Amino acid sequence: MSVYIKYFVHGTTTDNTLKLSTGWNEGELSEKGILQGVELAKTIKNEEFDIVFCSDLKRAVESAKLNFYNRDIEIIKDPRIRECNYGDYNGKDSKLASYSTHIEENFPNGESLLDVEKRIKEFLDDLKANFDGKRVAIVAHKAPQLAIDKITNNKTWEQALADDWRINHDWKPGWEYILI
């Protein structure tokens, strides 16, 4: 069997609008981010999920609540699906949070993408052990999505970064992954 995953990114934050990388800061959804959450809820209202996991950071929790508003689906906060910890660069100019130079090397006083991958691998192993045959929604951030894409599609970090939908602004209402 397998676990069906549909991954949703949190809505636009006030930091995003200022071109700041929030990292492990809580972050606030902007008006646009709130509207995105409401619109996504309408788009996915007929999709069935057994459970929803979201990062424990405020912007992801609020997005999950908006995305699954008025639905009888348990939402579980999990710190393992937090954004990458940019350390000294949390809340700073987005240009400082370059993933390509921090695959193996930690951000100053933060973590690397390999650290994020380790957290995500543990999370996915738990999903496989406890939710086999289920449909799982995840509401989280950029680095965890890239890690899931890397792991489930057997990519290198370089491939996952090059294929990132954010480069071409190719947003869609959820990305599908199968965990075998």
N, C-alpha and C. Protein backbone atom coordinates (compact mmCIF):
# COMPACT_ATOMS: atom_id res chain seq x y z
N MET A 1 0.85 -1.19 0.00
CA MET A 1 0.00 0.00 0.00
C MET A 1 0.89 1.24 0.00
N SER A 2 0.26 2.39 0.09
CA SER A 2 1.00 3.64 0.05
C SER A 2 0.19 4.73 0.74
N VAL A 3 0.85 5.87 0.94
CA VAL A 3 0.20 7.04 1.51
C VAL A 3 0.10 8.09 0.41
N TYR A 4 -1.11 8.57 0.18
CA TYR A 4 -1.33 9.66 -0.78
C TYR A 4 -1.16 10.97 -0.02
N ILE A 5 -0.29 11.84 -0.52
CA ILE A 5 -0.03 13.13 0.12
C ILE A 5 -0.40 14.24 -0.85
N LYS A 6 -1.11 15.22 -0.35
CA LYS A 6 -1.32 16.45 -1.11
C LYS A 6 -0.75 17.58 -0.27
N TYR A 7 0.21 18.28 -0.83
CA TYR A 7 0.97 19.29 -0.12
C TYR A 7 0.49 20.68 -0.52
N PHE A 8 0.18 21.47 0.49
CA PHE A 8 -0.26 22.85 0.28
C PHE A 8 0.72 23.78 0.99
N VAL A 9 1.11 24.85 0.30
CA VAL A 9 1.97 25.83 0.96
C VAL A 9 1.10 26.85 1.68
N HIS A 10 1.62 27.39 2.76
CA HIS A 10 0.88 28.41 3.50
C HIS A 10 0.67 29.64 2.62
N GLY A 11 -0.30 30.46 3.00
CA GLY A 11 -0.59 31.67 2.25
C GLY A 11 0.51 32.71 2.36
N THR A 12 0.43 33.70 1.50
CA THR A 12 1.38 34.80 1.48
C THR A 12 1.41 35.51 2.83
N THR A 13 2.61 35.80 3.30
CA THR A 13 2.77 36.48 4.59
C THR A 13 3.14 37.94 4.38
N THR A 14 3.06 38.69 5.47
CA THR A 14 3.50 40.09 5.40
C THR A 14 5.00 40.13 5.11
N ASP A 15 5.78 39.17 5.61
CA ASP A 15 7.20 39.10 5.28
C ASP A 15 7.40 38.86 3.78
N ASN A 16 6.61 37.95 3.20
CA ASN A 16 6.75 37.68 1.76
C ASN A 16 6.58 38.96 0.94
N THR A 17 5.61 39.76 1.33
CA THR A 17 5.35 41.00 0.58
C THR A 17 6.50 41.98 0.70
N LEU A 18 7.29 41.87 1.76
CA LEU A 18 8.46 42.73 1.97
C LEU A 18 9.75 42.09 1.50
N LYS A 19 9.64 40.90 0.86
CA LYS A 19 10.79 40.13 0.36
C LYS A 19 11.74 39.73 1.49
N LEU A 20 11.12 39.30 2.60
CA LEU A 20 11.87 38.80 3.74
C LEU A 20 11.62 37.31 3.87
N SER A 21 12.63 36.58 4.34
CA SER A 21 12.49 35.14 4.58
C SER A 21 12.20 34.92 6.06
N THR A 22 11.00 34.46 6.37
CA THR A 22 10.54 34.35 7.74
C THR A 22 11.28 33.27 8.52
N GLY A 23 11.57 32.14 7.87
CA GLY A 23 12.27 31.05 8.54
C GLY A 23 11.51 30.54 9.75
N TRP A 24 12.16 30.50 10.90
CA TRP A 24 11.52 30.00 12.12
C TRP A 24 10.76 31.07 12.88
N ASN A 25 10.72 32.30 12.38
CA ASN A 25 9.83 33.30 12.97
C ASN A 25 8.40 32.87 12.69
N GLU A 26 7.46 33.27 13.53
CA GLU A 26 6.06 32.85 13.37
C GLU A 26 5.46 33.32 12.04
N GLY A 27 5.60 34.59 11.72
CA GLY A 27 5.04 35.13 10.49
C GLY A 27 3.54 35.36 10.59
N GLU A 28 3.09 36.38 9.90
CA GLU A 28 1.67 36.73 9.85
C GLU A 28 1.16 36.61 8.43
N LEU A 29 0.00 36.01 8.25
CA LEU A 29 -0.61 36.01 6.92
C LEU A 29 -1.00 37.44 6.56
N SER A 30 -0.73 37.80 5.32
CA SER A 30 -1.17 39.10 4.81
C SER A 30 -2.64 38.98 4.42
N GLU A 31 -3.26 40.09 4.05
CA GLU A 31 -4.65 40.03 3.56
C GLU A 31 -4.73 39.09 2.36
N LYS A 32 -3.72 39.17 1.48
CA LYS A 32 -3.68 38.28 0.32
C LYS A 32 -3.60 36.82 0.77
N GLY A 33 -2.78 36.54 1.80
CA GLY A 33 -2.64 35.18 2.30
C GLY A 33 -3.93 34.63 2.88
N ILE A 34 -4.69 35.49 3.56
CA ILE A 34 -5.99 35.08 4.11
C ILE A 34 -6.95 34.76 2.97
N LEU A 35 -6.98 35.62 1.97
CA LEU A 35 -7.86 35.37 0.80
C LEU A 35 -7.45 34.09 0.08
N GLN A 36 -6.14 33.84 -0.03
CA GLN A 36 -5.67 32.60 -0.67
C GLN A 36 -6.19 31.39 0.08
N GLY A 37 -6.16 31.45 1.41
CA GLY A 37 -6.66 30.34 2.23
C GLY A 37 -8.13 30.09 2.02
N VAL A 38 -8.91 31.16 1.96
CA VAL A 38 -10.35 31.05 1.76
C VAL A 38 -10.65 30.48 0.36
N GLU A 39 -9.94 30.99 -0.64
CA GLU A 39 -10.15 30.51 -2.02
C GLU A 39 -9.73 29.05 -2.17
N LEU A 40 -8.61 28.67 -1.56
CA LEU A 40 -8.17 27.29 -1.65
C LEU A 40 -9.20 26.36 -1.01
N ALA A 41 -9.79 26.78 0.10
CA ALA A 41 -10.82 25.97 0.76
C ALA A 41 -11.96 25.68 -0.20
N LYS A 42 -12.36 26.67 -0.99
CA LYS A 42 -13.43 26.47 -1.98
C LYS A 42 -12.98 25.50 -3.08
N THR A 43 -11.74 25.63 -3.50
CA THR A 43 -11.21 24.80 -4.58
C THR A 43 -11.13 23.33 -4.19
N ILE A 44 -10.76 23.06 -2.93
CA ILE A 44 -10.53 21.67 -2.51
C ILE A 44 -11.68 21.10 -1.67
N LYS A 45 -12.80 21.81 -1.63
CA LYS A 45 -13.89 21.41 -0.72
C LYS A 45 -14.41 20.00 -0.97
N ASN A 46 -14.29 19.47 -2.18
CA ASN A 46 -14.79 18.12 -2.46
C ASN A 46 -13.71 17.05 -2.38
N GLU A 47 -12.49 17.44 -2.06
CA GLU A 47 -11.42 16.45 -1.92
C GLU A 47 -11.47 15.85 -0.52
N GLU A 48 -11.30 14.55 -0.46
CA GLU A 48 -11.35 13.83 0.81
C GLU A 48 -9.95 13.62 1.37
N PHE A 49 -9.80 13.89 2.65
CA PHE A 49 -8.55 13.64 3.36
C PHE A 49 -8.88 12.97 4.68
N ASP A 50 -8.01 12.07 5.11
CA ASP A 50 -8.20 11.41 6.39
C ASP A 50 -7.66 12.24 7.54
N ILE A 51 -6.64 13.04 7.25
CA ILE A 51 -6.00 13.84 8.30
C ILE A 51 -5.21 14.97 7.65
N VAL A 52 -4.99 16.03 8.40
CA VAL A 52 -4.19 17.17 7.95
C VAL A 52 -3.05 17.38 8.94
N PHE A 53 -1.85 17.52 8.41
CA PHE A 53 -0.70 17.90 9.22
C PHE A 53 -0.25 19.28 8.78
N CYS A 54 0.14 20.08 9.76
CA CYS A 54 0.69 21.39 9.42
C CYS A 54 1.88 21.67 10.32
N SER A 55 2.74 22.54 9.85
CA SER A 55 3.84 23.02 10.66
C SER A 55 3.26 23.69 11.90
N ASP A 56 4.06 23.77 12.95
CA ASP A 56 3.59 24.43 14.17
C ASP A 56 3.81 25.94 14.14
N LEU A 57 4.31 26.48 13.03
CA LEU A 57 4.48 27.92 12.92
C LEU A 57 3.15 28.57 12.54
N LYS A 58 2.90 29.73 13.12
CA LYS A 58 1.60 30.40 13.04
C LYS A 58 1.04 30.51 11.62
N ARG A 59 1.87 30.88 10.65
CA ARG A 59 1.38 31.09 9.28
C ARG A 59 0.85 29.81 8.67
N ALA A 60 1.45 28.67 9.01
CA ALA A 60 0.97 27.38 8.50
C ALA A 60 -0.28 26.93 9.23
N VAL A 61 -0.32 27.14 10.55
CA VAL A 61 -1.50 26.77 11.34
C VAL A 61 -2.72 27.56 10.86
N GLU A 62 -2.55 28.87 10.69
CA GLU A 62 -3.66 29.70 10.22
C GLU A 62 -4.10 29.30 8.82
N SER A 63 -3.15 29.00 7.95
CA SER A 63 -3.49 28.56 6.59
C SER A 63 -4.26 27.25 6.62
N ALA A 64 -3.82 26.30 7.44
CA ALA A 64 -4.52 25.01 7.53
C ALA A 64 -5.96 25.21 8.01
N LYS A 65 -6.13 26.08 9.00
CA LYS A 65 -7.49 26.35 9.50
C LYS A 65 -8.36 26.98 8.42
N LEU A 66 -7.79 27.86 7.62
CA LEU A 66 -8.56 28.47 6.52
C LEU A 66 -8.83 27.45 5.42
N ASN A 67 -7.83 26.67 5.06
CA ASN A 67 -7.96 25.69 3.98
C ASN A 67 -9.01 24.62 4.28
N PHE A 68 -9.13 24.26 5.55
CA PHE A 68 -10.03 23.17 5.93
C PHE A 68 -11.13 23.66 6.87
N TYR A 69 -11.48 24.94 6.72
CA TYR A 69 -12.52 25.56 7.54
C TYR A 69 -13.84 24.79 7.40
N ASN A 70 -14.47 24.56 8.54
CA ASN A 70 -15.81 23.95 8.57
C ASN A 70 -15.83 22.52 8.02
N ARG A 71 -14.69 21.82 8.14
CA ARG A 71 -14.63 20.41 7.75
C ARG A 71 -14.25 19.60 8.97
N ASP A 72 -14.77 18.42 9.05
CA ASP A 72 -14.52 17.56 10.19
C ASP A 72 -13.27 16.72 9.94
N ILE A 73 -12.11 17.41 9.91
CA ILE A 73 -10.83 16.75 9.67
C ILE A 73 -9.88 17.20 10.77
N GLU A 74 -9.23 16.24 11.41
CA GLU A 74 -8.27 16.59 12.44
C GLU A 74 -7.05 17.26 11.83
N ILE A 75 -6.61 18.37 12.44
CA ILE A 75 -5.40 19.08 12.03
C ILE A 75 -4.37 18.91 13.14
N ILE A 76 -3.24 18.31 12.78
CA ILE A 76 -2.18 18.04 13.76
C ILE A 76 -0.97 18.92 13.43
N LYS A 77 -0.51 19.68 14.42
CA LYS A 77 0.69 20.50 14.27
C LYS A 77 1.92 19.62 14.52
N ASP A 78 2.89 19.71 13.63
CA ASP A 78 4.10 18.91 13.77
C ASP A 78 5.32 19.79 13.49
N PRO A 79 6.18 19.97 14.47
CA PRO A 79 7.36 20.84 14.28
C PRO A 79 8.37 20.30 13.27
N ARG A 80 8.29 19.04 12.94
CA ARG A 80 9.24 18.48 11.97
C ARG A 80 9.02 19.04 10.57
N ILE A 81 7.84 19.59 10.29
CA ILE A 81 7.59 20.13 8.95
C ILE A 81 7.67 21.66 8.93
N ARG A 82 8.41 22.20 9.91
CA ARG A 82 8.72 23.63 9.91
C ARG A 82 9.59 23.99 8.71
N GLU A 83 9.61 25.28 8.42
CA GLU A 83 10.53 25.80 7.41
C GLU A 83 11.97 25.57 7.88
N CYS A 84 12.91 25.70 6.97
CA CYS A 84 14.31 25.65 7.32
C CYS A 84 14.62 26.78 8.31
N ASN A 85 15.44 26.48 9.29
CA ASN A 85 15.86 27.50 10.24
C ASN A 85 17.01 28.28 9.61
N TYR A 86 16.74 29.52 9.24
CA TYR A 86 17.76 30.37 8.62
C TYR A 86 18.68 31.00 9.66
N GLY A 87 18.49 30.66 10.93
CA GLY A 87 19.37 31.17 11.98
C GLY A 87 19.39 32.69 12.01
N ASP A 88 20.59 33.25 11.83
CA ASP A 88 20.75 34.70 11.88
C ASP A 88 19.96 35.40 10.77
N TYR A 89 19.54 34.66 9.75
CA TYR A 89 18.83 35.26 8.62
C TYR A 89 17.30 35.15 8.73
N ASN A 90 16.78 34.56 9.80
CA ASN A 90 15.32 34.52 10.00
C ASN A 90 14.80 35.95 10.01
N GLY A 91 13.82 36.22 9.15
CA GLY A 91 13.22 37.55 9.09
C GLY A 91 14.02 38.57 8.32
N LYS A 92 15.08 38.13 7.67
CA LYS A 92 15.96 39.06 6.92
C LYS A 92 15.67 38.97 5.42
N ASP A 93 16.37 39.79 4.66
CA ASP A 93 16.22 39.85 3.21
C ASP A 93 16.29 38.45 2.60
N SER A 94 15.34 38.15 1.72
CA SER A 94 15.25 36.82 1.11
C SER A 94 16.51 36.42 0.36
N LYS A 95 17.25 37.39 -0.14
CA LYS A 95 18.48 37.07 -0.88
C LYS A 95 19.51 36.36 0.01
N LEU A 96 19.41 36.56 1.33
CA LEU A 96 20.35 35.92 2.25
C LEU A 96 20.04 34.44 2.44
N ALA A 97 18.79 34.05 2.20
CA ALA A 97 18.34 32.67 2.45
C ALA A 97 18.47 31.82 1.18
N SER A 98 19.65 31.76 0.64
CA SER A 98 19.91 31.00 -0.58
C SER A 98 20.07 29.52 -0.25
N TYR A 99 19.16 28.70 -0.76
CA TYR A 99 19.23 27.27 -0.49
C TYR A 99 20.41 26.61 -1.19
N SER A 100 20.76 27.07 -2.38
CA SER A 100 21.80 26.40 -3.15
C SER A 100 23.15 26.40 -2.44
N THR A 101 23.39 27.38 -1.59
CA THR A 101 24.66 27.42 -0.85
C THR A 101 24.53 26.83 0.55
N HIS A 102 23.34 26.31 0.87
CA HIS A 102 23.14 25.75 2.21
C HIS A 102 22.53 24.34 2.17
N ILE A 103 22.90 23.58 1.14
CA ILE A 103 22.46 22.19 1.08
C ILE A 103 23.14 21.42 2.21
N GLU A 104 24.46 21.52 2.30
CA GLU A 104 25.21 20.83 3.34
C GLU A 104 25.67 21.76 4.45
N GLU A 105 25.90 23.02 4.10
CA GLU A 105 26.40 24.00 5.07
C GLU A 105 25.23 24.69 5.77
N ASN A 106 25.27 24.69 7.08
CA ASN A 106 24.20 25.33 7.85
C ASN A 106 24.17 26.84 7.61
N PHE A 107 22.96 27.41 7.67
CA PHE A 107 22.85 28.85 7.76
C PHE A 107 23.51 29.26 9.08
N PRO A 108 24.08 30.46 9.18
CA PRO A 108 24.71 30.88 10.44
C PRO A 108 23.74 30.72 11.62
N ASN A 109 24.09 29.87 12.57
CA ASN A 109 23.25 29.58 13.74
C ASN A 109 21.90 28.96 13.37
N GLY A 110 21.86 28.30 12.21
CA GLY A 110 20.63 27.66 11.74
C GLY A 110 20.89 26.25 11.28
N GLU A 111 20.17 25.81 10.26
CA GLU A 111 20.33 24.45 9.76
C GLU A 111 20.57 24.46 8.25
N SER A 112 20.87 23.30 7.72
CA SER A 112 21.07 23.11 6.28
C SER A 112 19.86 22.37 5.71
N LEU A 113 19.82 22.25 4.39
CA LEU A 113 18.75 21.47 3.77
C LEU A 113 18.86 20.00 4.14
N LEU A 114 20.06 19.51 4.38
CA LEU A 114 20.21 18.12 4.83
C LEU A 114 19.56 17.93 6.20
N ASP A 115 19.62 18.94 7.06
CA ASP A 115 18.93 18.87 8.36
C ASP A 115 17.42 18.81 8.15
N VAL A 116 16.91 19.62 7.22
CA VAL A 116 15.47 19.60 6.92
C VAL A 116 15.10 18.24 6.37
N GLU A 117 15.90 17.71 5.47
CA GLU A 117 15.63 16.39 4.89
C GLU A 117 15.55 15.31 5.98
N LYS A 118 16.43 15.38 6.95
CA LYS A 118 16.43 14.40 8.04
C LYS A 118 15.10 14.48 8.81
N ARG A 119 14.64 15.69 9.11
CA ARG A 119 13.36 15.86 9.82
C ARG A 119 12.20 15.31 8.98
N ILE A 120 12.23 15.63 7.70
CA ILE A 120 11.14 15.21 6.80
C ILE A 120 11.16 13.71 6.61
N LYS A 121 12.33 13.11 6.51
CA LYS A 121 12.42 11.65 6.38
C LYS A 121 11.79 10.96 7.59
N GLU A 122 12.07 11.46 8.78
CA GLU A 122 11.47 10.91 10.00
C GLU A 122 9.95 11.08 9.97
N PHE A 123 9.49 12.24 9.55
CA PHE A 123 8.05 12.51 9.45
C PHE A 123 7.40 11.54 8.45
N LEU A 124 8.01 11.38 7.28
CA LEU A 124 7.46 10.48 6.25
C LEU A 124 7.47 9.03 6.72
N ASP A 125 8.51 8.62 7.43
CA ASP A 125 8.56 7.26 7.97
C ASP A 125 7.39 7.04 8.93
N ASP A 126 7.08 8.04 9.75
CA ASP A 126 5.94 7.94 10.67
C ASP A 126 4.62 7.89 9.91
N LEU A 127 4.51 8.69 8.83
CA LEU A 127 3.29 8.63 8.00
C LEU A 127 3.11 7.23 7.45
N LYS A 128 4.18 6.67 6.91
CA LYS A 128 4.10 5.33 6.31
C LYS A 128 3.70 4.29 7.36
N ALA A 129 4.24 4.39 8.54
CA ALA A 129 3.94 3.42 9.60
C ALA A 129 2.52 3.56 10.14
N ASN A 130 2.00 4.77 10.17
CA ASN A 130 0.72 5.01 10.84
C ASN A 130 -0.46 5.38 9.94
N PHE A 131 -0.20 5.71 8.67
CA PHE A 131 -1.28 6.17 7.80
C PHE A 131 -1.26 5.49 6.43
N ASP A 132 -0.73 4.28 6.38
CA ASP A 132 -0.68 3.54 5.13
C ASP A 132 -2.11 3.39 4.58
N GLY A 133 -2.26 3.66 3.30
CA GLY A 133 -3.57 3.56 2.67
C GLY A 133 -4.45 4.78 2.87
N LYS A 134 -3.93 5.82 3.50
CA LYS A 134 -4.72 7.02 3.81
C LYS A 134 -4.36 8.18 2.88
N ARG A 135 -5.25 9.16 2.88
CA ARG A 135 -5.05 10.41 2.14
C ARG A 135 -4.71 11.50 3.16
N VAL A 136 -3.51 12.06 3.02
CA VAL A 136 -2.98 13.01 3.99
C VAL A 136 -2.75 14.36 3.32
N ALA A 137 -3.23 15.42 3.95
CA ALA A 137 -2.92 16.78 3.51
C ALA A 137 -1.84 17.34 4.41
N ILE A 138 -0.92 18.09 3.81
CA ILE A 138 0.14 18.76 4.57
C ILE A 138 0.10 20.24 4.20
N VAL A 139 0.14 21.10 5.22
CA VAL A 139 0.21 22.54 5.00
C VAL A 139 1.50 23.02 5.66
N ALA A 140 2.46 23.45 4.84
CA ALA A 140 3.73 23.84 5.42
C ALA A 140 4.47 24.84 4.52
N HIS A 141 5.76 24.63 4.34
CA HIS A 141 6.66 25.64 3.80
C HIS A 141 7.48 25.13 2.62
N LYS A 142 8.37 25.98 2.14
CA LYS A 142 9.18 25.70 0.97
C LYS A 142 10.16 24.54 1.17
N ALA A 143 11.05 24.63 2.16
CA ALA A 143 12.08 23.59 2.33
C ALA A 143 11.49 22.21 2.59
N PRO A 144 10.45 22.09 3.44
CA PRO A 144 9.86 20.75 3.62
C PRO A 144 9.27 20.18 2.33
N GLN A 145 8.65 21.04 1.51
CA GLN A 145 8.11 20.55 0.24
C GLN A 145 9.24 20.08 -0.67
N LEU A 146 10.31 20.84 -0.75
CA LEU A 146 11.44 20.43 -1.58
C LEU A 146 12.03 19.11 -1.08
N ALA A 147 12.08 18.94 0.24
CA ALA A 147 12.59 17.69 0.80
C ALA A 147 11.68 16.51 0.45
N ILE A 148 10.37 16.71 0.53
CA ILE A 148 9.43 15.63 0.15
C ILE A 148 9.58 15.32 -1.33
N ASP A 149 9.72 16.35 -2.16
CA ASP A 149 9.91 16.14 -3.60
C ASP A 149 11.20 15.36 -3.84
N LYS A 150 12.26 15.72 -3.15
CA LYS A 150 13.54 15.02 -3.28
C LYS A 150 13.42 13.56 -2.88
N ILE A 151 12.80 13.31 -1.73
CA ILE A 151 12.72 11.95 -1.19
C ILE A 151 11.79 11.07 -2.02
N THR A 152 10.59 11.55 -2.30
CA THR A 152 9.61 10.69 -2.99
C THR A 152 9.92 10.50 -4.47
N ASN A 153 10.65 11.43 -5.07
CA ASN A 153 10.96 11.32 -6.49
C ASN A 153 12.42 11.00 -6.76
N ASN A 154 13.14 10.59 -5.71
CA ASN A 154 14.55 10.20 -5.85
C ASN A 154 15.39 11.23 -6.60
N LYS A 155 15.27 12.49 -6.17
CA LYS A 155 16.02 13.57 -6.79
C LYS A 155 17.22 13.94 -5.92
N THR A 156 18.15 14.63 -6.53
CA THR A 156 19.21 15.27 -5.75
C THR A 156 18.67 16.60 -5.26
N TRP A 157 19.35 17.20 -4.32
CA TRP A 157 18.92 18.53 -3.87
C TRP A 157 19.01 19.53 -5.03
N GLU A 158 20.03 19.40 -5.85
CA GLU A 158 20.18 20.30 -6.98
C GLU A 158 18.98 20.18 -7.93
N GLN A 159 18.52 18.95 -8.17
CA GLN A 159 17.35 18.74 -9.04
C GLN A 159 16.09 19.31 -8.40
N ALA A 160 15.90 19.05 -7.13
CA ALA A 160 14.71 19.56 -6.43
C ALA A 160 14.67 21.08 -6.47
N LEU A 161 15.81 21.71 -6.26
CA LEU A 161 15.87 23.18 -6.30
C LEU A 161 15.59 23.70 -7.71
N ALA A 162 16.16 23.04 -8.72
CA ALA A 162 15.96 23.47 -10.11
C ALA A 162 14.51 23.29 -10.56
N ASP A 163 13.82 22.29 -10.02
CA ASP A 163 12.44 22.00 -10.41
C ASP A 163 11.41 22.76 -9.58
N ASP A 164 11.85 23.57 -8.63
CA ASP A 164 10.95 24.27 -7.71
C ASP A 164 9.95 25.13 -8.48
N TRP A 165 8.67 24.95 -8.21
CA TRP A 165 7.60 25.70 -8.89
C TRP A 165 7.72 27.20 -8.66
N ARG A 166 8.37 27.61 -7.61
CA ARG A 166 8.48 29.03 -7.28
C ARG A 166 9.33 29.78 -8.30
N ILE A 167 10.24 29.08 -8.96
CA ILE A 167 11.10 29.72 -9.96
C ILE A 167 10.26 30.26 -11.12
N ASN A 168 9.29 29.47 -11.57
CA ASN A 168 8.44 29.87 -12.70
C ASN A 168 7.08 30.40 -12.26
N HIS A 169 6.91 30.60 -10.95
CA HIS A 169 5.63 31.06 -10.39
C HIS A 169 4.49 30.16 -10.85
N ASP A 170 4.73 28.85 -10.79
CA ASP A 170 3.79 27.84 -11.27
C ASP A 170 2.99 27.25 -10.10
N TRP A 171 2.39 28.14 -9.29
CA TRP A 171 1.58 27.70 -8.15
C TRP A 171 0.38 26.90 -8.64
N LYS A 172 -0.03 25.95 -7.86
CA LYS A 172 -1.27 25.23 -8.13
C LYS A 172 -1.89 24.84 -6.80
N PRO A 173 -3.15 24.44 -6.81
CA PRO A 173 -3.82 24.13 -5.54
C PRO A 173 -3.44 22.76 -4.99
N GLY A 174 -2.16 22.59 -4.68
CA GLY A 174 -1.69 21.35 -4.07
C GLY A 174 -0.82 20.53 -5.00
N TRP A 175 0.21 19.94 -4.41
CA TRP A 175 1.12 19.06 -5.13
C TRP A 175 0.96 17.66 -4.59
N GLU A 176 0.91 16.69 -5.49
CA GLU A 176 0.63 15.31 -5.09
C GLU A 176 1.91 14.48 -5.04
N TYR A 177 2.00 13.69 -3.98
CA TYR A 177 3.12 12.78 -3.78
C TYR A 177 2.57 11.45 -3.32
N ILE A 178 3.22 10.38 -3.72
CA ILE A 178 2.86 9.04 -3.26
C ILE A 178 4.03 8.50 -2.47
N LEU A 179 3.75 8.11 -1.24
CA LEU A 179 4.77 7.56 -0.37
C LEU A 179 4.59 6.04 -0.37
N ILE A 180 5.55 5.34 -0.94
CA ILE A 180 5.46 3.88 -1.08
C ILE A 180 6.28 3.22 0.00
